[in-house]
N, C-alpha and C. Protein backbone atom coordinates (compact mmCIF):
# COMPACT_ATOMS: atom_id res chain seq x y z
N MET A 1 -122.48 18.09 47.87
CA MET A 1 -122.40 19.41 48.12
C MET A 1 -122.51 19.72 49.56
N SER A 2 -122.06 21.10 49.27
CA SER A 2 -122.61 21.73 50.79
C SER A 2 -124.19 22.12 51.64
N THR A 3 -124.05 22.35 52.46
CA THR A 3 -125.31 22.14 53.09
C THR A 3 -125.49 24.07 53.98
N PRO A 4 -126.80 24.32 53.17
CA PRO A 4 -126.73 25.61 54.03
C PRO A 4 -126.17 25.72 55.49
N VAL A 5 -125.70 26.97 55.67
CA VAL A 5 -125.15 27.42 56.93
C VAL A 5 -126.43 28.01 57.78
N LYS A 6 -126.61 27.57 58.96
CA LYS A 6 -127.35 27.36 60.08
C LYS A 6 -126.93 28.14 61.20
N SER A 7 -127.57 28.66 62.17
CA SER A 7 -127.07 28.89 63.59
C SER A 7 -128.21 28.82 64.50
N HIS A 8 -128.80 27.53 65.21
CA HIS A 8 -129.52 27.88 66.21
C HIS A 8 -130.43 28.18 65.39
N GLY A 9 -130.73 27.50 64.56
CA GLY A 9 -132.38 27.66 63.55
C GLY A 9 -132.41 28.85 62.73
N PHE A 10 -131.22 29.72 62.83
CA PHE A 10 -131.02 30.67 61.97
C PHE A 10 -130.60 30.33 60.45
N LYS A 11 -131.30 31.25 59.78
CA LYS A 11 -130.77 30.73 58.05
C LYS A 11 -130.73 32.00 57.31
N PRO A 12 -129.31 32.69 57.03
CA PRO A 12 -129.20 33.80 56.41
C PRO A 12 -130.20 34.11 55.08
N GLY A 13 -130.97 34.66 55.03
CA GLY A 13 -131.64 35.42 53.73
C GLY A 13 -131.08 35.83 52.74
N LYS A 14 -131.20 36.34 51.50
CA LYS A 14 -130.71 37.12 50.70
C LYS A 14 -130.01 38.45 51.36
N ILE A 15 -130.79 39.15 52.12
CA ILE A 15 -130.29 40.84 52.68
C ILE A 15 -129.39 40.24 53.59
N GLU A 16 -129.30 39.09 54.44
CA GLU A 16 -128.34 38.69 55.35
C GLU A 16 -126.99 38.62 54.74
N LYS A 17 -127.14 37.71 53.47
CA LYS A 17 -126.01 37.30 53.04
C LYS A 17 -125.38 38.07 51.89
N ASN A 18 -126.28 39.28 51.73
CA ASN A 18 -125.62 40.36 50.88
C ASN A 18 -124.87 41.49 51.80
N ILE A 19 -125.30 41.14 53.04
CA ILE A 19 -124.51 41.79 54.29
C ILE A 19 -123.06 41.46 54.76
N ILE A 20 -123.16 39.97 54.84
CA ILE A 20 -122.32 39.16 55.09
C ILE A 20 -121.00 39.22 54.64
N ASN A 21 -121.55 38.94 53.05
CA ASN A 21 -120.42 38.97 51.65
C ASN A 21 -119.43 40.62 51.81
N LEU A 22 -120.28 41.42 51.97
CA LEU A 22 -119.76 42.57 52.38
C LEU A 22 -119.03 42.92 53.39
N MET A 23 -119.05 42.40 54.28
CA MET A 23 -118.13 42.24 55.81
C MET A 23 -117.31 41.56 55.34
N ARG A 24 -117.03 40.05 54.75
CA ARG A 24 -116.15 39.65 54.37
C ARG A 24 -115.13 40.02 53.98
N LYS A 25 -115.62 41.06 52.57
CA LYS A 25 -114.66 41.63 51.40
C LYS A 25 -113.40 42.40 53.08
N GLY A 26 -114.02 43.15 53.82
CA GLY A 26 -113.74 44.43 54.40
C GLY A 26 -112.88 43.48 55.93
N ASP A 27 -113.14 42.00 56.21
CA ASP A 27 -112.48 41.69 57.43
C ASP A 27 -111.22 41.43 57.11
N GLU A 28 -110.41 42.34 57.43
CA GLU A 28 -108.56 42.00 57.18
C GLU A 28 -108.65 43.03 57.99
N PRO A 29 -107.43 42.61 59.17
CA PRO A 29 -107.20 42.00 59.48
C PRO A 29 -108.91 41.12 60.25
N HIS A 30 -108.90 40.22 60.39
CA HIS A 30 -110.32 39.73 60.96
C HIS A 30 -110.54 39.92 62.35
N GLY A 31 -111.93 40.88 62.44
CA GLY A 31 -112.38 41.32 63.89
C GLY A 31 -112.13 43.05 63.62
N LYS A 32 -111.84 43.19 62.03
CA LYS A 32 -111.69 44.92 62.19
C LYS A 32 -113.38 45.52 62.21
N SER A 33 -113.03 46.70 62.38
CA SER A 33 -114.66 47.29 62.48
C SER A 33 -114.87 48.17 60.98
N ILE A 34 -115.51 47.83 60.80
CA ILE A 34 -116.21 47.87 59.48
C ILE A 34 -117.17 49.53 59.22
N LEU A 35 -117.42 50.43 58.65
CA LEU A 35 -118.38 51.34 58.23
C LEU A 35 -119.53 50.47 57.42
N ILE A 36 -120.11 49.36 57.99
CA ILE A 36 -120.40 48.80 56.64
C ILE A 36 -122.25 49.52 56.13
N TRP A 37 -122.38 50.32 57.00
CA TRP A 37 -123.46 51.10 56.73
C TRP A 37 -123.19 51.77 55.28
N ASN A 38 -122.40 52.83 55.13
CA ASN A 38 -122.04 53.27 53.81
C ASN A 38 -122.01 51.96 52.34
N GLU A 39 -121.11 51.08 53.14
CA GLU A 39 -121.24 50.10 51.70
C GLU A 39 -122.33 49.34 51.53
N ILE A 40 -123.22 49.42 52.17
CA ILE A 40 -124.90 48.76 52.15
C ILE A 40 -125.47 50.17 51.00
N CYS A 41 -125.31 50.85 51.53
CA CYS A 41 -126.05 52.16 50.58
C CYS A 41 -125.33 52.09 48.96
N GLN A 42 -124.30 52.51 49.44
CA GLN A 42 -123.66 52.49 47.84
C GLN A 42 -123.83 51.01 47.15
N THR A 43 -123.49 50.03 47.49
CA THR A 43 -123.52 48.81 47.09
C THR A 43 -125.23 48.54 46.44
N TYR A 44 -126.07 48.63 47.44
CA TYR A 44 -127.36 48.58 46.72
C TYR A 44 -128.28 50.01 46.62
N GLY A 45 -127.54 50.91 46.58
CA GLY A 45 -128.62 52.00 45.71
C GLY A 45 -129.32 52.52 47.11
N ILE A 46 -128.90 52.47 48.00
CA ILE A 46 -129.99 53.05 49.21
C ILE A 46 -129.59 55.15 49.05
N GLU A 47 -130.30 55.89 48.04
CA GLU A 47 -130.29 56.94 48.36
C GLU A 47 -131.50 57.65 48.60
N PHE A 48 -131.46 58.79 49.49
CA PHE A 48 -132.42 59.47 49.76
C PHE A 48 -132.33 60.63 49.25
N SER A 49 -133.14 61.35 48.37
CA SER A 49 -133.00 62.88 48.27
C SER A 49 -133.47 63.82 49.31
N SER A 50 -133.67 65.09 48.84
CA SER A 50 -133.57 66.16 50.20
C SER A 50 -135.11 66.42 50.84
N TYR A 51 -135.96 65.40 50.02
CA TYR A 51 -137.11 65.45 50.46
C TYR A 51 -137.78 64.49 51.86
N PRO A 52 -138.44 64.15 52.54
CA PRO A 52 -138.74 63.65 53.67
C PRO A 52 -138.74 62.14 53.61
N LYS A 53 -138.03 61.22 54.41
CA LYS A 53 -138.01 60.27 54.32
C LYS A 53 -139.32 59.02 53.92
N LYS A 54 -140.40 59.63 54.78
CA LYS A 54 -141.70 59.41 54.78
C LYS A 54 -142.48 59.51 53.13
N ASP A 55 -141.55 60.43 52.06
CA ASP A 55 -142.16 60.65 51.15
C ASP A 55 -141.52 59.74 49.94
N GLN A 56 -140.45 59.17 50.67
CA GLN A 56 -140.22 58.18 49.69
C GLN A 56 -139.64 56.62 50.03
N PRO A 57 -140.77 55.88 49.80
CA PRO A 57 -141.35 54.53 50.52
C PRO A 57 -140.38 53.41 49.83
N GLU A 58 -139.77 53.63 48.70
CA GLU A 58 -139.12 52.64 48.04
C GLU A 58 -137.69 52.91 48.88
N GLU A 59 -137.06 54.24 49.17
CA GLU A 59 -135.98 54.14 49.54
C GLU A 59 -135.82 53.13 50.99
N LEU A 60 -137.18 54.18 51.72
CA LEU A 60 -137.10 53.66 53.23
C LEU A 60 -137.37 52.21 53.40
N SER A 61 -138.01 51.85 52.73
CA SER A 61 -138.49 50.18 52.57
C SER A 61 -136.94 49.00 52.67
N LYS A 62 -136.01 49.77 51.94
CA LYS A 62 -134.86 48.77 51.15
C LYS A 62 -133.95 49.43 52.76
N GLU A 63 -134.18 50.32 53.15
CA GLU A 63 -133.16 50.85 54.55
C GLU A 63 -133.82 50.20 55.52
N ASN A 64 -134.78 49.36 55.82
CA ASN A 64 -135.64 49.75 56.92
C ASN A 64 -135.42 47.76 56.67
N LYS A 65 -135.02 47.24 55.54
CA LYS A 65 -134.81 45.84 55.32
C LYS A 65 -133.57 46.05 56.02
N TYR A 66 -132.46 46.62 55.23
CA TYR A 66 -131.23 46.10 55.62
C TYR A 66 -130.58 46.33 57.58
N LYS A 67 -131.45 47.73 57.81
CA LYS A 67 -131.68 47.53 59.14
C LYS A 67 -131.62 46.14 60.10
N CYS A 68 -132.85 45.79 59.13
CA CYS A 68 -133.32 44.58 60.40
C CYS A 68 -132.10 43.46 60.13
N GLY A 69 -131.91 43.31 58.80
CA GLY A 69 -130.71 42.45 58.46
C GLY A 69 -129.53 42.53 59.71
N LEU A 70 -129.40 43.62 59.67
CA LEU A 70 -128.43 43.76 60.76
C LEU A 70 -128.61 43.39 62.12
N THR A 71 -129.80 43.57 62.43
CA THR A 71 -130.16 43.55 63.73
C THR A 71 -129.86 41.52 63.89
N ARG A 72 -130.75 41.39 62.98
CA ARG A 72 -131.07 39.58 62.70
C ARG A 72 -129.35 39.31 62.81
N LEU A 73 -128.79 39.62 62.03
CA LEU A 73 -127.15 38.95 62.05
C LEU A 73 -126.49 39.33 63.24
N VAL A 74 -126.61 40.35 64.17
CA VAL A 74 -125.84 40.58 65.52
C VAL A 74 -126.70 39.56 66.50
N LYS A 75 -128.20 39.32 66.50
CA LYS A 75 -128.88 38.40 67.36
C LYS A 75 -128.61 36.75 67.40
N ALA A 76 -127.89 36.68 66.03
CA ALA A 76 -127.39 35.14 65.69
C ALA A 76 -125.84 34.69 65.99
N HIS A 77 -124.98 36.29 66.58
CA HIS A 77 -123.80 36.67 67.24
C HIS A 77 -123.28 35.84 65.72
N ILE A 78 -123.58 36.34 64.81
CA ILE A 78 -122.21 36.43 63.53
C ILE A 78 -121.76 38.23 62.83
N LEU A 79 -122.35 38.76 63.34
CA LEU A 79 -121.78 40.22 63.88
C LEU A 79 -122.21 40.53 65.09
N LYS A 80 -121.29 41.95 65.36
CA LYS A 80 -121.21 42.34 66.30
C LYS A 80 -121.03 44.11 65.93
N PRO A 81 -121.60 45.01 67.19
CA PRO A 81 -121.67 46.70 66.45
C PRO A 81 -120.42 46.85 67.33
N SER A 82 -120.01 47.78 66.89
CA SER A 82 -118.94 48.61 67.48
C SER A 82 -119.02 50.50 67.65
N ILE A 83 -118.61 50.66 68.68
CA ILE A 83 -118.28 52.52 68.54
C ILE A 83 -116.69 52.89 68.46
N ILE A 84 -116.95 53.59 67.61
CA ILE A 84 -115.74 54.44 67.33
C ILE A 84 -115.51 55.72 67.77
N LEU A 85 -114.61 55.91 68.94
CA LEU A 85 -114.90 57.30 69.42
C LEU A 85 -113.68 58.06 68.58
N PRO A 86 -114.44 59.37 68.67
CA PRO A 86 -113.63 60.27 67.92
C PRO A 86 -112.40 60.14 68.23
N GLN A 87 -111.03 60.62 67.27
CA GLN A 87 -109.69 60.15 67.34
C GLN A 87 -109.53 61.23 68.03
N THR A 88 -108.74 61.59 69.12
CA THR A 88 -108.21 63.39 69.70
C THR A 88 -106.76 62.55 70.40
N SER A 89 -106.20 63.67 71.01
CA SER A 89 -104.60 63.38 71.12
C SER A 89 -104.97 62.29 72.39
N LYS A 90 -106.02 62.41 73.27
CA LYS A 90 -106.31 61.70 74.85
C LYS A 90 -106.86 60.40 74.52
N ASN A 91 -107.52 60.49 73.19
CA ASN A 91 -108.25 59.16 72.97
C ASN A 91 -108.25 58.35 71.54
N ASN A 92 -107.76 57.44 71.44
CA ASN A 92 -107.97 57.13 70.20
C ASN A 92 -108.30 55.29 70.01
N SER A 93 -109.66 54.86 70.40
CA SER A 93 -109.29 54.00 70.88
C SER A 93 -111.14 53.12 70.31
N LEU A 94 -111.28 52.13 70.69
CA LEU A 94 -112.63 51.61 70.31
C LEU A 94 -113.39 50.64 71.23
N ILE A 95 -114.44 51.03 71.56
CA ILE A 95 -115.46 50.10 72.36
C ILE A 95 -116.43 49.12 71.18
N SER A 96 -116.48 47.83 72.01
CA SER A 96 -116.88 46.88 71.15
C SER A 96 -117.93 46.47 72.26
N ASN A 97 -118.62 46.05 71.01
CA ASN A 97 -120.03 45.07 71.55
C ASN A 97 -120.97 46.37 72.37
N PRO A 98 -121.52 47.61 72.27
CA PRO A 98 -122.15 48.09 72.93
C PRO A 98 -123.21 47.62 73.29
N LYS A 99 -124.24 48.11 74.00
CA LYS A 99 -125.91 47.54 74.57
C LYS A 99 -126.67 48.38 72.99
N GLY A 100 -127.36 47.49 72.59
CA GLY A 100 -128.50 47.85 71.37
C GLY A 100 -127.87 47.63 69.83
N HIS A 101 -128.81 47.96 69.08
CA HIS A 101 -128.23 47.78 67.49
C HIS A 101 -128.34 49.47 66.73
N GLY A 102 -127.89 49.24 65.65
CA GLY A 102 -128.41 50.25 65.34
C GLY A 102 -127.15 51.23 64.74
N TYR A 103 -126.04 50.63 64.70
CA TYR A 103 -124.84 51.49 64.34
C TYR A 103 -124.42 51.19 63.30
N ASN A 104 -123.22 52.24 62.74
CA ASN A 104 -122.49 52.25 61.64
C ASN A 104 -121.78 50.98 61.34
N TYR A 105 -120.82 50.87 62.55
CA TYR A 105 -119.74 49.84 62.63
C TYR A 105 -120.16 48.79 63.40
N TYR A 106 -119.72 47.75 62.32
CA TYR A 106 -119.90 46.67 62.70
C TYR A 106 -118.44 45.44 62.50
N CYS A 107 -118.49 44.73 63.21
CA CYS A 107 -117.36 43.24 63.19
C CYS A 107 -117.66 42.00 62.88
N LEU A 108 -117.59 40.88 62.27
CA LEU A 108 -117.38 39.99 61.90
C LEU A 108 -117.36 38.89 63.10
N THR A 109 -117.79 38.65 64.01
CA THR A 109 -117.29 37.39 65.03
C THR A 109 -116.67 36.28 64.87
N ASP A 110 -115.75 35.43 65.66
CA ASP A 110 -115.19 34.09 65.33
C ASP A 110 -116.30 33.49 64.46
N PHE A 111 -117.05 33.50 64.60
CA PHE A 111 -118.63 32.42 64.30
C PHE A 111 -118.58 33.23 63.24
N GLY A 112 -118.86 34.30 63.04
CA GLY A 112 -119.70 34.84 61.76
C GLY A 112 -118.20 34.33 60.27
N ARG A 113 -117.18 34.80 61.07
CA ARG A 113 -116.13 34.46 59.22
C ARG A 113 -116.35 33.46 59.02
N LEU A 114 -116.61 32.51 60.15
CA LEU A 114 -116.85 30.80 59.63
C LEU A 114 -118.11 30.80 58.62
N VAL A 115 -119.22 31.93 58.85
CA VAL A 115 -120.38 31.53 58.01
C VAL A 115 -120.07 32.37 57.22
N ALA A 116 -119.30 33.46 56.99
CA ALA A 116 -118.38 34.19 55.90
C ALA A 116 -118.47 33.42 54.42
N ASP A 117 -117.11 32.26 55.59
CA ASP A 117 -116.71 31.61 54.65
C ASP A 117 -117.44 30.48 53.80
N LYS A 118 -118.32 30.18 54.50
CA LYS A 118 -118.71 29.13 54.42
C LYS A 118 -120.04 29.46 53.00
N LEU A 119 -120.33 30.29 53.24
CA LEU A 119 -121.34 30.71 52.22
C LEU A 119 -120.46 31.45 50.58
N TYR A 120 -119.10 31.90 51.36
CA TYR A 120 -118.61 32.20 49.70
C TYR A 120 -118.23 30.82 48.78
N GLN A 121 -117.91 29.68 50.10
CA GLN A 121 -117.81 28.56 49.57
C GLN A 121 -118.45 27.99 48.32
N GLU A 122 -120.01 28.66 49.15
CA GLU A 122 -121.03 27.96 48.32
C GLU A 122 -121.51 28.65 46.97
N GLN A 123 -121.52 30.07 47.29
CA GLN A 123 -121.12 30.50 45.95
C GLN A 123 -120.16 30.51 44.88
N GLN A 124 -118.94 30.13 44.95
CA GLN A 124 -118.19 29.93 44.15
C GLN A 124 -118.69 28.60 43.72
N HIS A 125 -118.63 27.46 44.51
CA HIS A 125 -119.66 26.39 44.23
C HIS A 125 -120.77 26.40 42.98
N LYS A 126 -121.14 27.50 43.22
CA LYS A 126 -122.68 27.76 42.60
C LYS A 126 -122.06 28.12 40.98
N GLU A 127 -121.08 29.16 40.88
CA GLU A 127 -120.08 29.84 39.62
C GLU A 127 -119.84 29.11 38.74
N ARG A 128 -119.18 27.56 39.66
CA ARG A 128 -118.57 26.97 38.73
C ARG A 128 -119.10 25.87 38.22
N SER A 129 -120.50 25.21 39.03
CA SER A 129 -121.26 24.85 38.29
C SER A 129 -122.20 25.72 36.94
N LEU A 130 -122.22 26.56 37.35
CA LEU A 130 -123.16 27.53 36.05
C LEU A 130 -122.08 27.23 34.93
N ARG A 131 -120.60 27.84 35.38
CA ARG A 131 -119.75 27.72 34.40
C ARG A 131 -119.96 26.77 33.58
N ALA A 132 -119.71 25.52 34.27
CA ALA A 132 -119.41 24.42 33.69
C ALA A 132 -120.14 23.99 32.71
N LYS A 133 -121.75 24.55 33.03
CA LYS A 133 -123.26 24.23 32.40
C LYS A 133 -122.78 24.86 30.70
N TRP A 134 -121.94 25.69 31.10
CA TRP A 134 -122.58 26.57 30.01
C TRP A 134 -121.11 25.97 28.84
N ASP A 135 -120.15 25.62 29.69
CA ASP A 135 -119.24 25.04 28.95
C ASP A 135 -119.66 24.05 28.16
N LEU A 136 -120.25 23.13 28.82
CA LEU A 136 -120.43 21.57 28.57
C LEU A 136 -121.48 21.67 27.25
N GLU A 137 -122.52 22.72 26.91
CA GLU A 137 -123.26 23.19 26.01
C GLU A 137 -122.45 23.98 24.64
N ARG A 138 -121.19 24.51 25.29
CA ARG A 138 -120.46 25.13 24.02
C ARG A 138 -119.91 23.64 23.07
N ALA A 139 -119.58 22.63 24.00
CA ALA A 139 -118.85 21.58 23.64
C ALA A 139 -119.75 20.89 22.46
N LEU A 140 -120.77 21.07 22.92
CA LEU A 140 -121.99 19.75 21.99
C LEU A 140 -121.88 20.52 21.26
N GLY A 141 -122.36 21.79 21.47
CA GLY A 141 -122.72 22.53 20.09
C GLY A 141 -121.86 22.49 19.05
N GLN A 142 -120.36 22.69 19.43
CA GLN A 142 -119.35 22.24 18.49
C GLN A 142 -119.62 21.13 17.87
N LEU A 143 -119.33 19.82 18.53
CA LEU A 143 -119.93 18.50 18.28
C LEU A 143 -121.09 18.71 16.99
N ARG A 144 -122.10 19.13 17.59
CA ARG A 144 -123.28 18.93 16.49
C ARG A 144 -122.96 20.05 14.82
N GLU A 145 -122.06 20.94 14.96
CA GLU A 145 -122.12 21.72 13.91
C GLU A 145 -120.84 21.50 13.22
N VAL A 146 -119.98 20.27 13.66
CA VAL A 146 -119.38 19.73 12.63
C VAL A 146 -120.29 18.43 12.13
N GLY A 147 -120.97 18.01 12.63
CA GLY A 147 -121.88 16.62 11.68
C GLY A 147 -122.12 15.41 12.55
N TYR A 148 -121.83 15.83 14.00
CA TYR A 148 -121.53 14.53 15.11
C TYR A 148 -122.98 14.88 15.24
N VAL A 149 -123.51 13.18 15.24
CA VAL A 149 -124.63 13.21 16.31
C VAL A 149 -124.81 11.69 17.45
N GLU A 150 -123.84 11.25 17.17
CA GLU A 150 -123.23 10.34 18.75
C GLU A 150 -122.01 10.94 18.87
N VAL A 151 -121.53 10.80 20.07
CA VAL A 151 -120.61 10.94 20.44
C VAL A 151 -120.20 10.44 21.88
N THR A 152 -118.91 10.15 22.28
CA THR A 152 -118.51 9.14 23.31
C THR A 152 -117.66 10.37 24.29
N ILE A 153 -117.80 10.35 25.51
CA ILE A 153 -117.43 11.14 26.74
C ILE A 153 -115.99 11.53 26.10
N ASP A 154 -115.50 10.90 25.94
CA ASP A 154 -113.82 10.79 25.36
C ASP A 154 -113.86 12.11 24.50
N GLN A 155 -114.71 12.06 23.28
CA GLN A 155 -114.75 13.46 22.16
C GLN A 155 -115.16 14.30 22.83
N ILE A 156 -116.40 14.39 23.73
CA ILE A 156 -116.90 15.92 24.56
C ILE A 156 -115.21 16.35 25.35
N GLN A 157 -114.82 15.35 25.98
CA GLN A 157 -113.58 15.85 26.68
C GLN A 157 -112.18 16.58 25.41
N GLY A 158 -112.36 15.94 24.97
CA GLY A 158 -111.38 16.40 23.94
C GLY A 158 -111.84 17.95 23.36
N VAL A 159 -113.24 17.91 23.11
CA VAL A 159 -113.49 19.49 22.77
C VAL A 159 -113.51 20.48 23.89
N LEU A 160 -113.88 19.98 24.74
CA LEU A 160 -113.76 20.74 26.59
C LEU A 160 -112.17 21.25 26.78
N TRP A 161 -111.22 20.49 26.48
CA TRP A 161 -109.95 20.63 26.50
C TRP A 161 -109.56 22.04 25.66
N GLN A 162 -110.12 21.87 24.41
CA GLN A 162 -109.57 22.99 23.50
C GLN A 162 -110.37 24.54 23.95
N LEU A 163 -111.27 24.29 24.50
CA LEU A 163 -112.29 25.41 24.79
C LEU A 163 -111.81 26.05 26.16
N VAL A 164 -111.46 25.00 27.18
CA VAL A 164 -111.45 25.10 28.69
C VAL A 164 -110.05 25.07 29.30
N GLY A 165 -108.90 24.43 28.30
CA GLY A 165 -107.83 23.80 28.94
C GLY A 165 -106.94 24.44 29.70
N ASP A 166 -107.08 25.67 29.03
CA ASP A 166 -105.61 26.74 29.66
C ASP A 166 -106.39 27.17 31.25
N SER A 167 -107.41 27.14 31.38
CA SER A 167 -107.61 27.51 32.56
C SER A 167 -107.18 26.51 34.02
N PHE A 168 -106.78 25.63 33.11
CA PHE A 168 -106.18 24.27 34.23
C PHE A 168 -105.00 24.24 33.84
N GLU A 169 -104.22 24.13 35.38
CA GLU A 169 -102.55 24.10 35.71
C GLU A 169 -101.81 23.27 34.61
N ASN A 170 -102.79 21.79 34.39
CA ASN A 170 -102.28 20.64 33.50
C ASN A 170 -103.54 19.50 33.10
N ARG A 171 -103.11 18.79 32.48
CA ARG A 171 -104.04 17.68 31.85
C ARG A 171 -104.83 16.81 33.60
N GLU A 172 -104.17 16.63 34.11
CA GLU A 172 -104.42 15.89 35.47
C GLU A 172 -105.41 16.45 36.23
N GLU A 173 -105.31 18.04 36.35
CA GLU A 173 -106.56 18.88 36.56
C GLU A 173 -107.63 18.69 36.08
N PHE A 174 -107.18 18.74 34.92
CA PHE A 174 -108.63 19.10 33.88
C PHE A 174 -109.02 17.94 34.23
N TYR A 175 -108.72 16.38 33.96
CA TYR A 175 -109.35 15.48 34.40
C TYR A 175 -110.04 15.22 35.62
N GLY A 176 -109.44 15.88 36.46
CA GLY A 176 -110.27 15.96 37.54
C GLY A 176 -111.55 16.66 38.15
N PHE A 177 -111.13 17.58 37.31
CA PHE A 177 -112.54 18.39 36.96
C PHE A 177 -113.47 17.90 36.11
N TRP A 178 -113.29 17.88 34.72
CA TRP A 178 -113.95 16.99 33.85
C TRP A 178 -113.92 15.62 34.09
N SER A 179 -114.34 14.61 34.90
CA SER A 179 -114.20 13.44 34.67
C SER A 179 -115.31 13.08 34.03
N ASN A 180 -115.01 11.53 33.88
CA ASN A 180 -116.39 10.92 32.99
C ASN A 180 -117.58 10.87 33.42
N VAL A 181 -117.43 10.67 35.34
CA VAL A 181 -118.63 10.54 36.12
C VAL A 181 -119.31 11.83 36.14
N LYS A 182 -118.39 12.71 35.98
CA LYS A 182 -118.91 14.43 36.57
C LYS A 182 -119.94 15.02 34.92
N ILE A 183 -119.59 14.40 33.88
CA ILE A 183 -119.99 14.57 32.43
C ILE A 183 -121.32 13.70 32.26
N GLY A 184 -121.13 12.64 32.64
CA GLY A 184 -122.03 11.76 32.46
C GLY A 184 -123.27 12.31 33.37
N VAL A 185 -123.11 12.62 34.31
CA VAL A 185 -124.15 13.03 35.43
C VAL A 185 -124.95 14.52 34.79
N MET A 186 -123.87 14.49 34.33
CA MET A 186 -124.43 16.38 33.86
C MET A 186 -125.19 15.54 31.96
N LEU A 187 -124.73 15.07 31.56
CA LEU A 187 -125.71 14.53 30.40
C LEU A 187 -127.16 13.75 30.58
N GLN A 188 -127.09 12.80 31.93
CA GLN A 188 -128.39 12.56 32.03
C GLN A 188 -129.19 13.72 32.79
N ASN A 189 -128.52 14.89 33.54
CA ASN A 189 -129.47 15.69 33.55
C ASN A 189 -130.19 16.08 32.54
N TYR A 190 -129.45 16.14 31.26
CA TYR A 190 -129.82 17.44 29.87
C TYR A 190 -131.03 15.63 29.53
N LYS A 191 -131.24 14.83 29.73
CA LYS A 191 -132.03 13.42 29.31
C LYS A 191 -131.31 13.36 28.45
N VAL A 192 -130.19 13.12 27.79
CA VAL A 192 -129.62 12.52 26.40
C VAL A 192 -129.79 11.74 26.75
N GLU A 193 -130.14 10.84 25.03
CA GLU A 193 -129.86 9.65 25.27
C GLU A 193 -128.70 8.90 25.15
N ARG A 194 -128.51 7.34 25.61
CA ARG A 194 -127.43 6.85 25.38
C ARG A 194 -127.52 5.38 25.07
N GLU A 195 -126.66 4.69 24.77
CA GLU A 195 -126.34 3.51 24.63
C GLU A 195 -125.10 2.80 24.56
N ARG A 196 -124.73 1.30 24.79
CA ARG A 196 -123.19 1.11 24.54
C ARG A 196 -122.78 1.04 23.25
N VAL A 197 -121.53 1.74 23.03
CA VAL A 197 -120.96 1.62 21.62
C VAL A 197 -121.02 0.44 20.95
N SER A 198 -120.73 -0.93 21.33
CA SER A 198 -121.08 -2.02 21.04
C SER A 198 -120.69 -3.27 22.18
N ARG A 199 -121.07 -4.40 21.67
CA ARG A 199 -121.38 -5.53 22.80
C ARG A 199 -120.16 -6.00 23.36
N THR A 200 -118.67 -5.51 22.42
CA THR A 200 -117.41 -5.83 23.17
C THR A 200 -116.92 -4.11 24.19
N ASP A 201 -117.51 -3.43 23.48
CA ASP A 201 -116.97 -1.88 24.17
C ASP A 201 -117.98 -1.20 25.25
N ARG A 202 -117.67 -1.41 26.10
CA ARG A 202 -118.83 -0.94 27.43
C ARG A 202 -118.72 0.58 27.72
N ARG A 203 -118.53 1.34 26.76
CA ARG A 203 -118.50 2.39 26.94
C ARG A 203 -119.80 3.17 26.24
N GLN A 204 -120.00 4.34 26.58
CA GLN A 204 -121.57 5.04 26.20
C GLN A 204 -121.24 5.64 25.54
N LYS A 205 -122.05 5.80 24.53
CA LYS A 205 -122.51 6.94 23.45
C LYS A 205 -123.38 7.57 23.47
N TYR A 206 -123.68 9.01 23.25
CA TYR A 206 -124.47 9.67 23.01
C TYR A 206 -124.96 10.51 22.14
N HIS A 207 -126.87 10.45 22.31
CA HIS A 207 -127.14 10.94 21.05
C HIS A 207 -127.00 12.53 21.14
N LEU A 208 -126.92 13.15 20.01
CA LEU A 208 -126.88 14.56 20.48
C LEU A 208 -128.00 14.65 19.36
C-alpha cells in the first residue's frame, strides 16, 4: 500500500490535493506556467457577483482557502509562482519565482511533479479498490441469485471473468489482479464464513 506524501512535515490536505491535481493536468511540458487561479475558480465554483466581496462570505471563504493552499504549496517547494510579462515585440519572456505569493501563474517544481504523480497513483489505487469491491459484490450477488449458498474462489473467479474479463488484456492479467489471495482477503474483510471443501480438498468454500 502506498504511503501518504509528505515533505518536511508538510502533508497536503484536500485543498492542496485539489490544486496539485489541477496543476498536474496542465504540466505539459513539465514546468509549464499555468494560469491556475482561473482553473480553480472554474472547477470549484468560486464566483463573485457584482456585490462587494465582504457581502459574499461563502465565496470569500472558498477564495481564502485556495489562496492559503497556494501559499502553503509554495512554502513546501511543490509550486513556485511565475510572472508572465506582457507580450510585445521587444518582450516575450517569463520571470520565474518572484518574491512573495498570490500570483495567478504557478508551475510545478521537480519535487512538486513527484508529489503530483504520487497523489495520482494513490487516487488510481483508491478508485481501483472501490471498483474491485463493487465487482466482487456483483459476482456474489449473481451467485446468490442462481441459488448458491456455498462457493469456492474458482467459482467466484468464473463469474468475475464473465463480468469484467473484457477489461483485461488476457486471462493472465485477469488472474494477476483477481488472485486467490486478493479474493480471499476481500471475503475475510466482509466477514464471510468459510471452511474446507473436504478433508482431502484443502480449498476453502465460502458461505453466501
